[in-house]
């Protein structure tokens, strides 16, 4: 529900605005009759849009209204028809309704303003006239971030051999050092994937084979890894979170899961960890396999 705060000391204007949006359940109208009431309301719950009379509480210049922009960029001014608004225009206020205005005008301006600045919960404006179709817009309220998950988890075991793929030709002679690199691991349909950035900006795209535990891994849920400074075999701590509960449901700790597949390509790492956690791991190339035994024929 989008909240609109009306700053006007006129009871008549309070009734007009409330009646204009009385049939729109997606809007909540709050009113303030003085700057003290306005400041109290703004401190409790910032609105998505402010409608303010330019002479609110005896004001004569735009300085107070400029402070409202610290709360929301959507500020609609109301003014008498004969008001000189040059100083408000110079201050950047370009949304003004002149009194008296029609309720349809107010509906349309409010709809336009609620849909500016990157819409993020759907907002619908009621039909201005009976029989006309309802206009739809995509205004959304920001969704608060989920709480951080607890850190106590029970480990499970997975065993897969580390089998790196061949390097691409442009990377054939590269010997990147991954000491102190960042490793981010995420669950995806079909398994977990991770990426790390070395000082040379070489990124290993890693797939972790967790087929034995696929039932406990939710597709598209987020996982992360923790700092590891262990030599090969590669080991990572992976947490898998339930997408609805944001709770960890499984953990594969050091030496209990190993990287099963890796390929190399240049590029930049993009961190997507929900809780902002970063993982550090030393990624050293695995030792070369021993040469096959020679067979001699007489």
C-alpha atoms as a PDB file:
ATOM      1  CA  UNK A   1       0.000   0.000   0.000  1.00  0.00           C
ATOM      2  CA  UNK A   2       1.398   3.364  -1.047  1.00  0.00           C
ATOM      3  CA  UNK A   3       1.208   6.144   1.551  1.00  0.00           C
ATOM      4  CA  UNK A   4       0.439   9.759   0.592  1.00  0.00           C
ATOM      5  CA  UNK A   5       0.973  12.574   3.094  1.00  0.00           C
ATOM      6  CA  UNK A   6      -1.081  15.759   2.618  1.00  0.00           C
ATOM      7  CA  UNK A   7       0.385  18.924   4.147  1.00  0.00           C
ATOM      8  CA  UNK A   8      -2.476  21.436   4.240  1.00  0.00           C
ATOM      9  CA  UNK A   9      -4.201  23.254   7.109  1.00  0.00           C
ATOM     10  CA  UNK A  10      -7.553  23.358   5.301  1.00  0.00           C
ATOM     11  CA  UNK A  11     -10.158  20.780   6.459  1.00  0.00           C
ATOM     12  CA  UNK A  12     -11.884  21.234   3.106  1.00  0.00           C
ATOM     13  CA  UNK A  13      -8.755  20.127   1.245  1.00  0.00           C
ATOM     14  CA  UNK A  14      -8.446  17.126   3.569  1.00  0.00           C
ATOM     15  CA  UNK A  15     -11.968  16.020   2.588  1.00  0.00           C
ATOM     16  CA  UNK A  16     -11.338  16.625  -1.123  1.00  0.00           C
ATOM     17  CA  UNK A  17      -8.194  14.488  -1.224  1.00  0.00           C
ATOM     18  CA  UNK A  18      -9.679  11.701   0.901  1.00  0.00           C
ATOM     19  CA  UNK A  19     -12.824  11.527  -1.271  1.00  0.00           C
ATOM     20  CA  UNK A  20     -10.768  11.550  -4.477  1.00  0.00           C
ATOM     21  CA  UNK A  21      -8.964   8.338  -3.495  1.00  0.00           C
ATOM     22  CA  UNK A  22     -11.670   6.788  -1.257  1.00  0.00           C
ATOM     23  CA  UNK A  23     -12.293   3.916  -3.707  1.00  0.00           C
ATOM     24  CA  UNK A  24      -8.606   3.058  -4.225  1.00  0.00           C
ATOM     25  CA  UNK A  25      -7.591   0.428  -1.677  1.00  0.00           C
ATOM     26  CA  UNK A  26      -3.942   0.636  -2.744  1.00  0.00           C
ATOM     27  CA  UNK A  27      -3.531   4.132  -1.276  1.00  0.00           C
ATOM     28  CA  UNK A  28      -3.361   5.314   2.334  1.00  0.00           C
ATOM     29  CA  UNK A  29      -3.968   9.037   2.897  1.00  0.00           C
ATOM     30  CA  UNK A  30      -2.435  10.768   5.932  1.00  0.00           C
ATOM     31  CA  UNK A  31      -2.829  14.482   6.716  1.00  0.00           C
ATOM     32  CA  UNK A  32      -0.800  16.995   8.701  1.00  0.00           C
ATOM     33  CA  UNK A  33      -2.167  20.379   9.782  1.00  0.00           C
ATOM     34  CA  UNK A  34       1.147  21.846  10.949  1.00  0.00           C
ATOM     35  CA  UNK A  35       4.878  21.388  10.515  1.00  0.00           C
ATOM     36  CA  UNK A  36       5.035  19.704  13.934  1.00  0.00           C
ATOM     37  CA  UNK A  37       2.460  17.105  12.830  1.00  0.00           C
ATOM     38  CA  UNK A  38       4.268  16.699   9.518  1.00  0.00           C
ATOM     39  CA  UNK A  39       7.651  16.105  11.160  1.00  0.00           C
ATOM     40  CA  UNK A  40       6.132  13.536  13.537  1.00  0.00           C
ATOM     41  CA  UNK A  41       4.434  11.653  10.691  1.00  0.00           C
ATOM     42  CA  UNK A  42       7.555  11.708   8.523  1.00  0.00           C
ATOM     43  CA  UNK A  43       9.686  10.297  11.342  1.00  0.00           C
ATOM     44  CA  UNK A  44       7.299   7.386  11.923  1.00  0.00           C
ATOM     45  CA  UNK A  45       6.649   6.242   8.354  1.00  0.00           C
ATOM     46  CA  UNK A  46       8.028   8.069   5.318  1.00  0.00           C
ATOM     47  CA  UNK A  47       5.438   8.357   2.529  1.00  0.00           C
ATOM     48  CA  UNK A  48       5.884   7.531  -1.144  1.00  0.00           C
ATOM     49  CA  UNK A  49       4.398  10.903  -2.163  1.00  0.00           C
ATOM     50  CA  UNK A  50       3.863  14.260  -0.436  1.00  0.00           C
ATOM     51  CA  UNK A  51       1.132  16.723  -1.472  1.00  0.00           C
ATOM     52  CA  UNK A  52       1.870  20.128   0.060  1.00  0.00           C
ATOM     53  CA  UNK A  53       0.158  23.525  -0.062  1.00  0.00           C
ATOM     54  CA  UNK A  54       2.783  26.203  -0.779  1.00  0.00           C
ATOM     55  CA  UNK A  55       1.467  28.357   2.109  1.00  0.00           C
ATOM     56  CA  UNK A  56       1.323  25.405   4.504  1.00  0.00           C
ATOM     57  CA  UNK A  57       1.593  26.564   8.136  1.00  0.00           C
ATOM     58  CA  UNK A  58       2.434  30.128   7.077  1.00  0.00           C
ATOM     59  CA  UNK A  59       5.404  29.238   4.837  1.00  0.00           C
ATOM     60  CA  UNK A  60       6.481  31.756   2.212  1.00  0.00           C
ATOM     61  CA  UNK A  61       9.520  30.174   0.523  1.00  0.00           C
ATOM     62  CA  UNK A  62      10.578  26.712  -0.757  1.00  0.00           C
ATOM     63  CA  UNK A  63      13.253  25.955   1.838  1.00  0.00           C
ATOM     64  CA  UNK A  64      11.045  23.696   3.988  1.00  0.00           C
ATOM     65  CA  UNK A  65       9.738  21.852   0.929  1.00  0.00           C
ATOM     66  CA  UNK A  66      13.309  21.223  -0.218  1.00  0.00           C
ATOM     67  CA  UNK A  67      13.930  19.324   3.026  1.00  0.00           C
ATOM     68  CA  UNK A  68      10.988  17.066   2.152  1.00  0.00           C
ATOM     69  CA  UNK A  69      12.990  15.796  -0.814  1.00  0.00           C
ATOM     70  CA  UNK A  70      15.289  14.075   1.653  1.00  0.00           C
ATOM     71  CA  UNK A  71      12.305  11.808   2.414  1.00  0.00           C
ATOM     72  CA  UNK A  72      10.915  11.341  -1.101  1.00  0.00           C
ATOM     73  CA  UNK A  73      11.581  12.871  -4.490  1.00  0.00           C
ATOM     74  CA  UNK A  74       7.824  12.842  -5.201  1.00  0.00           C
ATOM     75  CA  UNK A  75       6.557  16.232  -3.950  1.00  0.00           C
ATOM     76  CA  UNK A  76       3.384  17.711  -5.485  1.00  0.00           C
ATOM     77  CA  UNK A  77       2.672  21.370  -4.682  1.00  0.00           C
ATOM     78  CA  UNK A  78      -0.797  22.913  -4.400  1.00  0.00           C
ATOM     79  CA  UNK A  79      -1.176  26.625  -5.046  1.00  0.00           C
ATOM     80  CA  UNK A  80      -3.864  29.256  -5.486  1.00  0.00           C
ATOM     81  CA  UNK A  81      -4.464  30.335  -9.070  1.00  0.00           C
ATOM     82  CA  UNK A  82      -2.909  33.760  -8.501  1.00  0.00           C
ATOM     83  CA  UNK A  83       0.187  32.511  -6.652  1.00  0.00           C
ATOM     84  CA  UNK A  84       3.569  33.545  -8.047  1.00  0.00           C
ATOM     85  CA  UNK A  85       5.663  30.365  -7.987  1.00  0.00           C
ATOM     86  CA  UNK A  86       8.865  31.607  -9.606  1.00  0.00           C
ATOM     87  CA  UNK A  87      10.976  30.832  -6.545  1.00  0.00           C
ATOM     88  CA  UNK A  88       9.546  27.296  -6.371  1.00  0.00           C
ATOM     89  CA  UNK A  89      10.244  26.779 -10.070  1.00  0.00           C
ATOM     90  CA  UNK A  90      13.838  27.913  -9.633  1.00  0.00           C
ATOM     91  CA  UNK A  91      14.142  25.446  -6.725  1.00  0.00           C
ATOM     92  CA  UNK A  92      13.225  22.604  -9.087  1.00  0.00           C
ATOM     93  CA  UNK A  93       9.561  22.044  -8.199  1.00  0.00           C
ATOM     94  CA  UNK A  94       7.855  21.332 -11.522  1.00  0.00           C
ATOM     95  CA  UNK A  95       4.748  19.471 -10.290  1.00  0.00           C
ATOM     96  CA  UNK A  96       2.057  22.012  -9.282  1.00  0.00           C
ATOM     97  CA  UNK A  97      -1.746  21.864  -9.178  1.00  0.00           C
ATOM     98  CA  UNK A  98      -3.594  25.167  -9.127  1.00  0.00           C
ATOM     99  CA  UNK A  99      -6.636  25.498  -6.862  1.00  0.00           C
ATOM    100  CA  UNK A 100      -9.426  24.879  -7.637  1.00  0.00           C
ATOM    101  CA  UNK A 101      -8.668  21.662  -9.538  1.00  0.00           C
ATOM    102  CA  UNK A 102     -10.754  18.702 -10.692  1.00  0.00           C
ATOM    103  CA  UNK A 103     -10.374  15.392  -8.876  1.00  0.00           C
ATOM    104  CA  UNK A 104      -9.519  13.725 -12.207  1.00  0.00           C
ATOM    105  CA  UNK A 105      -6.492  15.991 -12.514  1.00  0.00           C
ATOM    106  CA  UNK A 106      -5.302  15.003  -9.049  1.00  0.00           C
ATOM    107  CA  UNK A 107      -5.733  11.287  -9.809  1.00  0.00           C
ATOM    108  CA  UNK A 108      -3.724  11.532 -13.003  1.00  0.00           C
ATOM    109  CA  UNK A 109      -0.863  13.532 -11.496  1.00  0.00           C
ATOM    110  CA  UNK A 110      -0.608  11.186  -8.507  1.00  0.00           C
ATOM    111  CA  UNK A 111      -0.525   8.151 -10.810  1.00  0.00           C
ATOM    112  CA  UNK A 112       2.234   9.679 -12.911  1.00  0.00           C
ATOM    113  CA  UNK A 113       4.337  10.596  -9.901  1.00  0.00           C
ATOM    114  CA  UNK A 114       3.979   7.209  -8.201  1.00  0.00           C
ATOM    115  CA  UNK A 115       5.316   5.588 -11.351  1.00  0.00           C
ATOM    116  CA  UNK A 116       8.434   7.721 -11.613  1.00  0.00           C
ATOM    117  CA  UNK A 117      11.900   7.030 -10.206  1.00  0.00           C
ATOM    118  CA  UNK A 118      12.141   3.307 -10.953  1.00  0.00           C
ATOM    119  CA  UNK A 119       8.890   1.614  -9.926  1.00  0.00           C
ATOM    120  CA  UNK A 120       9.565  -1.353  -7.588  1.00  0.00           C
ATOM    121  CA  UNK A 121       3.815  -3.442  -4.950  1.00  0.00           C
ATOM    122  CA  UNK A 122       1.521  -2.849  -7.957  1.00  0.00           C
ATOM    123  CA  UNK A 123      -0.442   0.406  -7.817  1.00  0.00           C
ATOM    124  CA  UNK A 124      -3.790   0.825  -9.579  1.00  0.00           C
ATOM    125  CA  UNK A 125      -5.671   4.073 -10.092  1.00  0.00           C
ATOM    126  CA  UNK A 126      -9.458   3.900  -9.889  1.00  0.00           C
ATOM    127  CA  UNK A 127     -11.437   4.859 -12.980  1.00  0.00           C
ATOM    128  CA  UNK A 128     -11.892   8.638 -13.007  1.00  0.00           C
ATOM    129  CA  UNK A 129     -15.372   8.255 -14.510  1.00  0.00           C
ATOM    130  CA  UNK A 130     -17.939   5.477 -14.170  1.00  0.00           C
ATOM    131  CA  UNK A 131     -17.760   2.992 -17.010  1.00  0.00           C
ATOM    132  CA  UNK A 132     -14.165   3.770 -18.006  1.00  0.00           C
ATOM    133  CA  UNK A 133     -11.545   0.996 -17.733  1.00  0.00           C
ATOM    134  CA  UNK A 134      -9.204   0.973 -14.770  1.00  0.00           C
ATOM    135  CA  UNK A 135      -5.717   2.214 -15.565  1.00  0.00           C
ATOM    136  CA  UNK A 136      -2.912  -0.022 -14.399  1.00  0.00           C
ATOM    137  CA  UNK A 137       0.587   0.980 -13.450  1.00  0.00           C
ATOM    138  CA  UNK A 138       3.570  -0.868 -12.005  1.00  0.00           C
ATOM    139  CA  UNK A 139       4.385   1.116  -8.867  1.00  0.00           C
ATOM    140  CA  UNK A 140       5.990  -1.124  -6.252  1.00  0.00           C
ATOM    141  CA  UNK A 141       7.161  -0.554  -2.724  1.00  0.00           C
ATOM    142  CA  UNK A 142      10.693  -1.622  -1.814  1.00  0.00           C
ATOM    143  CA  UNK A 143      10.845  -5.112  -0.277  1.00  0.00           C
ATOM    144  CA  UNK A 144      12.821  -5.177   3.005  1.00  0.00           C
ATOM    145  CA  UNK A 145      15.844  -7.520   3.021  1.00  0.00           C
ATOM    146  CA  UNK A 146      15.438 -10.901   4.781  1.00  0.00           C
ATOM    147  CA  UNK A 147      17.006 -11.360   8.228  1.00  0.00           C
ATOM    148  CA  UNK A 148      20.505 -12.903   8.266  1.00  0.00           C
ATOM    149  CA  UNK A 149      20.461 -16.699   8.622  1.00  0.00           C
ATOM    150  CA  UNK A 150      21.824 -18.426  11.739  1.00  0.00           C
ATOM    151  CA  UNK A 151      25.326 -19.830  11.565  1.00  0.00           C
ATOM    152  CA  UNK A 152      24.854 -23.218  13.272  1.00  0.00           C
ATOM    153  CA  UNK A 153      24.595 -25.967  10.671  1.00  0.00           C
ATOM    154  CA  UNK A 154      25.038 -29.703  10.544  1.00  0.00           C
ATOM    155  CA  UNK A 155      27.626 -30.973   8.022  1.00  0.00           C
ATOM    156  CA  UNK A 156      27.006 -33.599   5.362  1.00  0.00           C
ATOM    157  CA  UNK A 157      29.549 -35.351   3.174  1.00  0.00           C
ATOM    158  CA  UNK A 158      30.035 -35.481  -0.565  1.00  0.00           C
ATOM    159  CA  UNK A 159      32.945 -37.079  -2.351  1.00  0.00           C
ATOM    160  CA  UNK A 160      33.841 -36.226  -5.928  1.00  0.00           C
ATOM    161  CA  UNK A 161      37.216 -36.023  -7.589  1.00  0.00           C
ATOM    162  CA  UNK A 162      38.607 -32.695  -8.742  1.00  0.00           C
ATOM    163  CA  UNK A 163      38.705 -32.829 -12.557  1.00  0.00           C
ATOM    164  CA  UNK A 164      39.689 -29.520 -14.172  1.00  0.00           C
ATOM    165  CA  UNK A 165      38.974 -28.968 -17.845  1.00  0.00           C
ATOM    166  CA  UNK A 166      41.644 -27.922 -20.276  1.00  0.00           C
ATOM    167  CA  UNK A 167      42.433 -24.224 -20.408  1.00  0.00           C
ATOM    168  CA  UNK A 168      41.314 -22.240 -23.478  1.00  0.00           C
ATOM    169  CA  UNK A 169      44.142 -21.388 -25.925  1.00  0.00           C
ATOM    170  CA  UNK A 170      44.439 -17.785 -24.732  1.00  0.00           C
ATOM    171  CA  UNK A 171      44.909 -19.033 -21.167  1.00  0.00           C
ATOM    172  CA  UNK A 172      47.133 -21.993 -21.953  1.00  0.00           C
ATOM    173  CA  UNK A 173      50.307 -20.352 -20.672  1.00  0.00           C
ATOM    174  CA  UNK A 174      48.686 -18.380 -17.864  1.00  0.00           C
ATOM    175  CA  UNK A 175      49.728 -19.230 -14.334  1.00  0.00           C
ATOM    176  CA  UNK A 176      47.320 -17.191 -12.198  1.00  0.00           C
ATOM    177  CA  UNK A 177      47.763 -16.976  -8.452  1.00  0.00           C
ATOM    178  CA  UNK A 178      44.532 -17.232  -6.490  1.00  0.00           C
ATOM    179  CA  UNK A 179      45.947 -16.517  -3.047  1.00  0.00           C
ATOM    180  CA  UNK A 180      43.562 -14.211  -1.236  1.00  0.00           C
ATOM    181  CA  UNK A 181      40.906 -14.490  -3.944  1.00  0.00           C
ATOM    182  CA  UNK A 182      37.169 -14.103  -3.336  1.00  0.00           C
ATOM    183  CA  UNK A 183      34.926 -17.103  -3.874  1.00  0.00           C
ATOM    184  CA  UNK A 184      31.137 -16.796  -4.202  1.00  0.00           C
ATOM    185  CA  UNK A 185      29.030 -19.941  -4.481  1.00  0.00           C
ATOM    186  CA  UNK A 186      25.361 -20.111  -5.516  1.00  0.00           C
ATOM    187  CA  UNK A 187      22.856 -22.902  -6.037  1.00  0.00           C
ATOM    188  CA  UNK A 188      21.434 -23.328  -9.509  1.00  0.00           C
ATOM    189  CA  UNK A 189      19.203 -25.964 -11.123  1.00  0.00           C
ATOM    190  CA  UNK A 190      21.394 -29.007 -11.531  1.00  0.00           C
ATOM    191  CA  UNK A 191      23.928 -28.160  -8.854  1.00  0.00           C
ATOM    192  CA  UNK A 192      25.953 -25.378  -7.315  1.00  0.00           C
ATOM    193  CA  UNK A 193      28.133 -22.899  -9.173  1.00  0.00           C
ATOM    194  CA  UNK A 194      30.808 -20.560  -7.933  1.00  0.00           C
ATOM    195  CA  UNK A 195      33.184 -17.929  -9.191  1.00  0.00           C
ATOM    196  CA  UNK A 196      36.380 -16.405  -7.863  1.00  0.00           C
ATOM    197  CA  UNK A 197      38.550 -13.462  -8.836  1.00  0.00           C
ATOM    198  CA  UNK A 198      42.307 -13.670  -8.700  1.00  0.00           C
ATOM    199  CA  UNK A 199      44.627 -10.650  -8.641  1.00  0.00           C
ATOM    200  CA  UNK A 200      45.086 -11.252 -12.370  1.00  0.00           C
ATOM    201  CA  UNK A 201      41.302 -11.107 -12.952  1.00  0.00           C
ATOM    202  CA  UNK A 202      41.146 -14.733 -14.067  1.00  0.00           C
ATOM    203  CA  UNK A 203      37.903 -16.363 -13.018  1.00  0.00           C
ATOM    204  CA  UNK A 204      37.391 -20.081 -12.488  1.00  0.00           C
ATOM    205  CA  UNK A 205      33.792 -21.064 -13.131  1.00  0.00           C
ATOM    206  CA  UNK A 206      33.327 -23.970 -10.741  1.00  0.00           C
ATOM    207  CA  UNK A 207      30.593 -26.600 -10.657  1.00  0.00           C
ATOM    208  CA  UNK A 208      30.110 -28.592  -7.472  1.00  0.00           C
ATOM    209  CA  UNK A 209      28.641 -32.043  -7.989  1.00  0.00           C
ATOM    210  CA  UNK A 210      26.068 -32.534  -5.229  1.00  0.00           C
ATOM    211  CA  UNK A 211      23.815 -35.065  -6.925  1.00  0.00           C
ATOM    212  CA  UNK A 212      23.645 -37.219  -3.798  1.00  0.00           C
ATOM    213  CA  UNK A 213      22.151 -34.318  -1.867  1.00  0.00           C
ATOM    214  CA  UNK A 214      20.062 -32.773  -4.623  1.00  0.00           C
ATOM    215  CA  UNK A 215      16.856 -33.329  -2.653  1.00  0.00           C
ATOM    216  CA  UNK A 216      18.116 -31.023   0.072  1.00  0.00           C
ATOM    217  CA  UNK A 217      19.168 -28.322  -2.380  1.00  0.00           C
ATOM    218  CA  UNK A 218      16.492 -25.902  -3.519  1.00  0.00           C
ATOM    219  CA  UNK A 219      16.913 -24.647  -7.066  1.00  0.00           C
ATOM    220  CA  UNK A 220      17.621 -20.915  -7.320  1.00  0.00           C
ATOM    221  CA  UNK A 221      18.248 -20.541  -3.594  1.00  0.00           C
ATOM    222  CA  UNK A 222      21.312 -18.644  -2.437  1.00  0.00           C
ATOM    223  CA  UNK A 223      24.383 -20.183  -0.845  1.00  0.00           C
ATOM    224  CA  UNK A 224      27.673 -18.743   0.275  1.00  0.00           C
ATOM    225  CA  UNK A 225      31.139 -19.905   1.226  1.00  0.00           C
ATOM    226  CA  UNK A 226      33.379 -19.007   4.147  1.00  0.00           C
ATOM    227  CA  UNK A 227      37.103 -18.181   4.327  1.00  0.00           C
ATOM    228  CA  UNK A 228      39.298 -21.182   3.616  1.00  0.00           C
ATOM    229  CA  UNK A 229      43.084 -21.211   3.500  1.00  0.00           C
ATOM    230  CA  UNK A 230      43.702 -24.882   2.835  1.00  0.00           C
ATOM    231  CA  UNK A 231      45.866 -26.494   0.159  1.00  0.00           C
ATOM    232  CA  UNK A 232      44.424 -28.892  -2.422  1.00  0.00           C
ATOM    233  CA  UNK A 233      42.323 -30.920  -2.579  1.00  0.00           C
ATOM    234  CA  UNK A 234      39.949 -28.016  -3.055  1.00  0.00           C
ATOM    235  CA  UNK A 235      37.377 -27.702  -0.283  1.00  0.00           C
ATOM    236  CA  UNK A 236      34.643 -25.157   0.244  1.00  0.00           C
ATOM    237  CA  UNK A 237      32.016 -24.481   2.860  1.00  0.00           C
ATOM    238  CA  UNK A 238      28.652 -24.196   1.154  1.00  0.00           C
ATOM    239  CA  UNK A 239      25.441 -23.092   2.820  1.00  0.00           C
ATOM    240  CA  UNK A 240      22.157 -23.661   1.045  1.00  0.00           C
ATOM    241  CA  UNK A 241      19.209 -21.509   2.146  1.00  0.00           C
ATOM    242  CA  UNK A 242      15.516 -22.239   1.819  1.00  0.00           C
ATOM    243  CA  UNK A 243      14.227 -19.457  -0.487  1.00  0.00           C
ATOM    244  CA  UNK A 244      11.090 -18.896   1.634  1.00  0.00           C
ATOM    245  CA  UNK A 245      12.406 -19.344   5.163  1.00  0.00           C
ATOM    246  CA  UNK A 246      15.891 -17.905   4.485  1.00  0.00           C
ATOM    247  CA  UNK A 247      17.244 -20.650   6.726  1.00  0.00           C
ATOM    248  CA  UNK A 248      20.270 -22.851   6.066  1.00  0.00           C
ATOM    249  CA  UNK A 249      19.259 -26.421   5.298  1.00  0.00           C
ATOM    250  CA  UNK A 250      22.606 -28.071   4.601  1.00  0.00           C
ATOM    251  CA  UNK A 251      26.321 -27.529   4.903  1.00  0.00           C
ATOM    252  CA  UNK A 252      29.296 -29.138   3.242  1.00  0.00           C
ATOM    253  CA  UNK A 253      32.394 -28.123   5.163  1.00  0.00           C
ATOM    254  CA  UNK A 254      36.117 -28.333   4.510  1.00  0.00           C
ATOM    255  CA  UNK A 255      37.302 -31.697   3.158  1.00  0.00           C
ATOM    256  CA  UNK A 256      33.692 -32.922   3.027  1.00  0.00           C
ATOM    257  CA  UNK A 257      33.034 -31.665  -0.463  1.00  0.00           C
ATOM    258  CA  UNK A 258      35.472 -31.151  -3.287  1.00  0.00           C
ATOM    259  CA  UNK A 259      35.281 -29.312  -6.570  1.00  0.00           C
ATOM    260  CA  UNK A 260      34.317 -31.733  -9.319  1.00  0.00           C
ATOM    261  CA  UNK A 261      34.654 -29.587 -12.438  1.00  0.00           C
ATOM    262  CA  UNK A 262      36.343 -26.320 -13.393  1.00  0.00           C
ATOM    263  CA  UNK A 263      36.970 -24.247 -16.500  1.00  0.00           C
ATOM    264  CA  UNK A 264      38.840 -20.981 -16.898  1.00  0.00           C
ATOM    265  CA  UNK A 265      37.974 -17.693 -18.595  1.00  0.00           C
ATOM    266  CA  UNK A 266      38.894 -14.008 -18.088  1.00  0.00           C
ATOM    267  CA  UNK A 267      36.368 -11.504 -16.746  1.00  0.00           C
ATOM    268  CA  UNK A 268      35.097  -9.705 -13.685  1.00  0.00           C
ATOM    269  CA  UNK A 269      33.436 -11.282 -10.666  1.00  0.00           C
ATOM    270  CA  UNK A 270      29.935 -10.118  -9.690  1.00  0.00           C
ATOM    271  CA  UNK A 271      29.092 -10.712  -6.036  1.00  0.00           C
ATOM    272  CA  UNK A 272      25.485 -11.716  -5.312  1.00  0.00           C
ATOM    273  CA  UNK A 273      25.649 -12.856  -1.704  1.00  0.00           C
ATOM    274  CA  UNK A 274      22.429 -11.855   0.082  1.00  0.00           C
ATOM    275  CA  UNK A 275      24.126 -11.318   3.427  1.00  0.00           C
ATOM    276  CA  UNK A 276      27.186  -9.637   1.945  1.00  0.00           C
ATOM    277  CA  UNK A 277      29.496 -12.488   2.975  1.00  0.00           C
ATOM    278  CA  UNK A 278      32.719 -12.884   1.053  1.00  0.00           C
ATOM    279  CA  UNK A 279      34.735 -16.088   0.932  1.00  0.00           C
ATOM    280  CA  UNK A 280      38.489 -16.293   0.528  1.00  0.00           C
ATOM    281  CA  UNK A 281      40.177 -19.412  -0.764  1.00  0.00           C
ATOM    282  CA  UNK A 282      43.564 -20.341  -2.140  1.00  0.00           C
ATOM    283  CA  UNK A 283      42.896 -21.917  -5.522  1.00  0.00           C
ATOM    284  CA  UNK A 284      46.040 -23.702  -6.606  1.00  0.00           C
ATOM    285  CA  UNK A 285      46.108 -25.887  -9.727  1.00  0.00           C
ATOM    286  CA  UNK A 286      45.894 -29.585  -8.871  1.00  0.00           C
ATOM    287  CA  UNK A 287      49.074 -31.625  -9.178  1.00  0.00           C
ATOM    288  CA  UNK A 288      49.502 -33.294 -12.566  1.00  0.00           C
ATOM    289  CA  UNK A 289      48.422 -36.940 -12.710  1.00  0.00           C
ATOM    290  CA  UNK A 290      51.224 -39.511 -12.582  1.00  0.00           C
ATOM    291  CA  UNK A 291      52.354 -40.790 -15.981  1.00  0.00           C
ATOM    292  CA  UNK A 292      50.836 -44.101 -17.036  1.00  0.00           C
ATOM    293  CA  UNK A 293      53.059 -47.162 -16.610  1.00  0.00           C
ATOM    294  CA  UNK A 294      55.056 -48.055 -19.682  1.00  0.00           C
ATOM    295  CA  UNK A 295      54.563 -51.405 -21.297  1.00  0.00           C
ATOM    296  CA  UNK A 296      57.526 -53.103 -23.000  1.00  0.00           C
ATOM    297  CA  UNK A 297      57.193 -55.697 -25.680  1.00  0.00           C
ATOM    298  CA  UNK A 298      60.104 -57.913 -26.642  1.00  0.00           C
END
